[in-house]
Protein backbone atom coordinates (compact mmCIF):
# COMPACT_ATOMS: atom_id res chain seq x y z
CA MET A 1 19.33 135.51 189.41
CA THR A 2 15.74 136.38 190.09
CA CYS A 3 14.66 138.77 192.81
CA LYS A 4 13.18 135.91 194.80
CA THR A 5 16.45 133.97 194.64
CA LEU A 6 18.35 137.05 195.61
CA LEU A 7 16.03 137.71 198.44
CA LEU A 8 16.40 134.10 199.73
CA ALA A 9 20.28 134.37 199.45
CA LEU A 10 20.25 137.68 201.49
CA LEU A 11 17.96 136.24 204.17
CA ALA A 12 20.22 133.12 204.45
CA VAL A 13 23.14 135.40 205.26
CA ALA A 14 21.24 137.99 207.34
CA VAL A 15 19.19 135.79 209.63
CA PRO A 16 22.10 133.70 211.08
CA GLY A 17 23.79 136.91 211.78
CA ALA A 18 20.75 138.17 213.66
CA VAL A 19 20.54 134.91 215.51
CA LEU A 20 24.32 135.12 216.36
CA ALA A 21 23.86 138.68 217.61
CA GLN A 22 21.03 137.62 219.98
CA ASP A 23 23.00 134.53 221.11
CA ASN A 24 25.88 136.95 221.75
CA ALA A 25 23.70 139.36 223.63
CA ASP A 26 22.39 136.55 225.85
CA ALA A 27 25.99 135.23 226.45
CA VAL A 28 27.17 138.76 227.36
CA LYS A 29 24.20 139.26 229.84
CA LYS A 30 24.70 135.86 231.42
CA ALA A 31 28.50 136.36 231.71
CA LEU A 32 28.05 139.89 233.31
CA MET A 33 25.35 138.56 235.66
CA ASP A 34 27.46 135.53 236.64
CA ALA A 35 30.31 137.84 237.41
CA ASP A 36 28.07 140.10 239.52
CA HIS A 37 26.42 137.23 241.37
CA LYS A 38 29.85 135.59 242.15
CA MET A 39 31.19 138.93 243.40
CA MET A 40 28.11 139.43 245.74
CA MET A 41 28.30 135.85 247.05
CA ASP A 42 32.04 136.17 247.73
CA MET A 43 31.51 139.44 249.54
CA ASP A 44 28.63 138.08 251.53
CA SER A 45 30.70 135.18 252.69
CA VAL A 46 33.49 137.32 254.19
CA PRO A 47 33.35 136.99 257.93
CA MET A 48 33.28 140.41 259.62
CA THR A 49 35.84 140.97 262.44
CA GLY A 50 34.88 144.50 263.43
CA ASP A 51 38.33 145.66 262.48
CA ALA A 52 37.74 148.26 259.83
CA ASP A 53 40.97 147.84 258.06
CA LYS A 54 40.74 144.07 257.85
CA ASP A 55 37.10 144.01 256.87
CA PHE A 56 37.67 146.69 254.34
CA VAL A 57 40.45 144.71 252.63
CA ALA A 58 38.53 141.37 252.87
CA MET A 59 35.51 142.97 251.19
CA MET A 60 37.51 144.83 248.61
CA ILE A 61 39.34 141.74 247.33
CA PRO A 62 36.11 140.11 245.87
CA HIS A 63 34.83 143.41 244.81
CA HIS A 64 37.92 143.98 242.79
CA GLN A 65 37.88 140.51 241.43
CA GLY A 66 34.21 141.16 240.29
CA ALA A 67 35.58 144.24 238.35
CA ILE A 68 38.18 142.04 236.81
CA ASP A 69 35.69 139.36 235.83
CA MET A 70 33.41 141.92 234.24
CA ALA A 71 36.22 143.58 232.31
CA LYS A 72 37.14 140.12 230.86
CA VAL A 73 33.56 139.91 229.53
CA GLU A 74 34.13 143.14 227.77
CA LEU A 75 37.47 141.84 226.43
CA GLN A 76 35.77 138.68 225.16
CA TYR A 77 32.71 140.25 223.58
CA GLY A 78 33.30 144.04 223.33
CA LYS A 79 34.07 145.72 220.07
CA ASP A 80 34.61 149.45 221.01
CA PRO A 81 38.40 150.20 221.27
CA GLN A 82 37.90 152.73 223.98
CA MET A 83 35.86 150.34 226.20
CA ARG A 84 38.38 147.49 225.50
CA ALA A 85 41.23 149.78 226.60
CA VAL A 86 39.21 150.66 229.85
CA ALA A 87 38.74 146.95 230.48
CA GLU A 88 42.39 146.20 229.99
CA ALA A 89 43.27 149.07 232.38
CA VAL A 90 40.82 147.76 234.97
CA VAL A 91 42.32 144.22 234.81
CA LYS A 92 45.78 145.60 235.26
CA ALA A 93 45.00 147.99 238.07
CA GLN A 94 42.64 145.67 239.99
CA GLU A 95 45.05 142.68 239.85
CA GLN A 96 47.77 144.91 241.33
CA GLU A 97 45.51 146.21 244.00
CA ILE A 98 44.40 142.75 244.93
CA ALA A 99 48.00 141.71 245.15
CA ASP A 100 48.79 144.70 247.33
CA MET A 101 45.77 143.94 249.59
CA LYS A 102 46.70 140.28 249.95
CA LYS A 103 50.27 141.23 250.83
CA TRP A 104 48.73 143.68 253.50
CA GLN A 105 46.58 140.83 254.78
CA ALA A 106 49.64 138.46 255.08
CA ALA A 107 51.42 141.11 257.11
CA HIS A 108 48.37 141.77 259.42
CA PRO A 109 46.86 138.38 260.34
């Protein structure tokens, strides 16, 4: 194999990886920004009652859901074991907190 052939073979392998990494970076950025945008839209659409307890819970539910959505992006694309563990813990904790808050809401209409 000549040097030129070897170089072309290496480029054929390396360039698609670089393109994939960029596509992945774009997908990660879009997914995180989409999660953030959805969270903000959902929080902005909560009607305020003036009752601190009810308003707090109503705002925290979409806030926690945003954290879950972002953690799921980490689980889909992330590679670092420590960050993946954090994301798993976020999903578990935030899902439980949302369930607790919805239960409280149902008891306090």
